Amino acid sequence: MSKKNQQPNEAQEMNNNLLVGYVRKSNAGAALKVSINTSAFSDCSTYVTSDGQAYVPLVISLNALGKVLSGERAVTTLSQLQD
C-alpha cells in the first residue's frame, strides 16, 4: 500500500467528526480567531476531570492549520471526533 493510501486526508477525517466551528488567522496575523457554532457546541460530548471541571474535546488538523498560518488557506475547521 502506498503512503498516500495509508494517511487519510482531511475530508475523510471529517466524516467521523462533528463540525463545531472554524479557525482563521486574524487580519493583523498575530492571532488565531476561533468561531464556534453555539448549536453545534451544545451537541458536543464532554468529559469531567477529577477536580469536577467539564471540558469539550475539540480537534484542529495540524496540516490544515499550518496552511492557514502560511496563507495557503483562509480557514480550517474546528471539530469533535465522533466514535
Protein backbone atom coordinates (compact mmCIF):
# COMPACT_ATOMS: atom_id res chain seq x y z
CA MET A 1 0.00 0.00 0.00
CA SER A 2 1.39 3.42 -0.88
CA LYS A 3 1.98 6.11 1.72
CA LYS A 4 -0.77 8.20 0.08
CA ASN A 5 -3.32 5.46 0.80
CA GLN A 6 -2.17 4.98 4.40
CA GLN A 7 -2.89 8.51 5.62
CA PRO A 8 -6.48 9.77 5.40
CA ASN A 9 -6.93 13.26 4.04
CA GLU A 10 -8.79 15.95 5.92
CA ALA A 11 -12.07 15.32 4.09
CA GLN A 12 -12.02 11.64 5.08
CA GLU A 13 -11.23 12.57 8.70
CA MET A 14 -14.19 14.95 8.75
CA ASN A 15 -16.61 12.07 8.01
CA ASN A 16 -16.25 10.94 11.64
CA ASN A 17 -16.28 14.42 13.15
CA LEU A 18 -18.89 16.91 14.28
CA LEU A 19 -18.20 20.31 12.73
CA VAL A 20 -18.19 22.80 15.59
CA GLY A 21 -16.65 25.90 14.04
CA TYR A 22 -13.83 27.47 12.07
CA VAL A 23 -10.33 28.76 12.71
CA ARG A 24 -8.71 31.59 10.76
CA LYS A 25 -5.77 33.95 11.14
CA SER A 26 -6.58 37.46 12.39
CA ASN A 27 -6.32 40.37 9.97
CA ALA A 28 -3.15 41.54 11.72
CA GLY A 29 -1.79 37.98 11.53
CA ALA A 30 -0.72 37.86 15.17
CA ALA A 31 -3.52 35.63 16.46
CA LEU A 32 -5.93 32.86 15.56
CA LYS A 33 -9.65 33.63 15.51
CA VAL A 34 -11.90 30.76 16.59
CA SER A 35 -15.60 30.88 15.72
CA ILE A 36 -17.80 28.28 17.40
CA ASN A 37 -21.37 27.49 16.37
CA THR A 38 -23.29 27.51 19.65
CA SER A 39 -25.84 24.97 18.45
CA ALA A 40 -23.14 22.51 17.37
CA PHE A 41 -21.17 23.16 20.57
CA SER A 42 -24.17 22.18 22.68
CA ASP A 43 -24.30 18.87 20.75
CA CYS A 44 -20.70 18.00 21.69
CA SER A 45 -19.84 15.33 24.20
CA THR A 46 -17.87 16.32 27.28
CA TYR A 47 -15.63 14.74 29.86
CA VAL A 48 -15.11 15.60 33.53
CA THR A 49 -11.73 15.73 35.24
CA SER A 50 -11.03 14.51 38.76
CA ASP A 51 -11.47 18.05 40.11
CA GLY A 52 -15.02 18.20 38.68
CA GLN A 53 -14.30 20.52 35.74
CA ALA A 54 -16.12 19.68 32.47
CA TYR A 55 -14.36 20.01 29.11
CA VAL A 56 -15.32 19.69 25.44
CA PRO A 57 -12.54 17.94 23.49
CA LEU A 58 -12.06 19.55 20.06
CA VAL A 59 -9.53 18.97 17.27
CA ILE A 60 -7.87 21.01 14.54
CA SER A 61 -5.83 19.34 11.81
CA LEU A 62 -2.18 20.39 12.19
CA ASN A 63 -1.68 20.13 8.44
CA ALA A 64 -4.66 22.37 7.68
CA LEU A 65 -3.74 24.81 10.47
CA GLY A 66 -0.24 25.09 9.04
CA LYS A 67 -1.74 26.03 5.70
CA VAL A 68 -3.86 28.72 7.36
CA LEU A 69 -0.79 30.10 9.15
CA SER A 70 1.26 30.12 5.94
CA GLY A 71 -1.52 31.81 3.98
CA GLU A 72 -2.25 28.85 1.67
CA ARG A 73 -5.77 28.60 3.12
CA ALA A 74 -8.05 31.22 4.63
CA VAL A 75 -9.84 28.96 7.10
CA THR A 76 -9.92 25.43 8.53
CA THR A 77 -12.38 23.51 10.65
CA LEU A 78 -12.74 23.00 14.40
CA SER A 79 -14.36 19.64 15.12
CA GLN A 80 -15.10 16.98 17.69
CA LEU A 81 -14.17 13.39 16.92
CA GLN A 82 -17.21 11.13 16.86
CA ASP A 83 -16.98 7.39 17.60
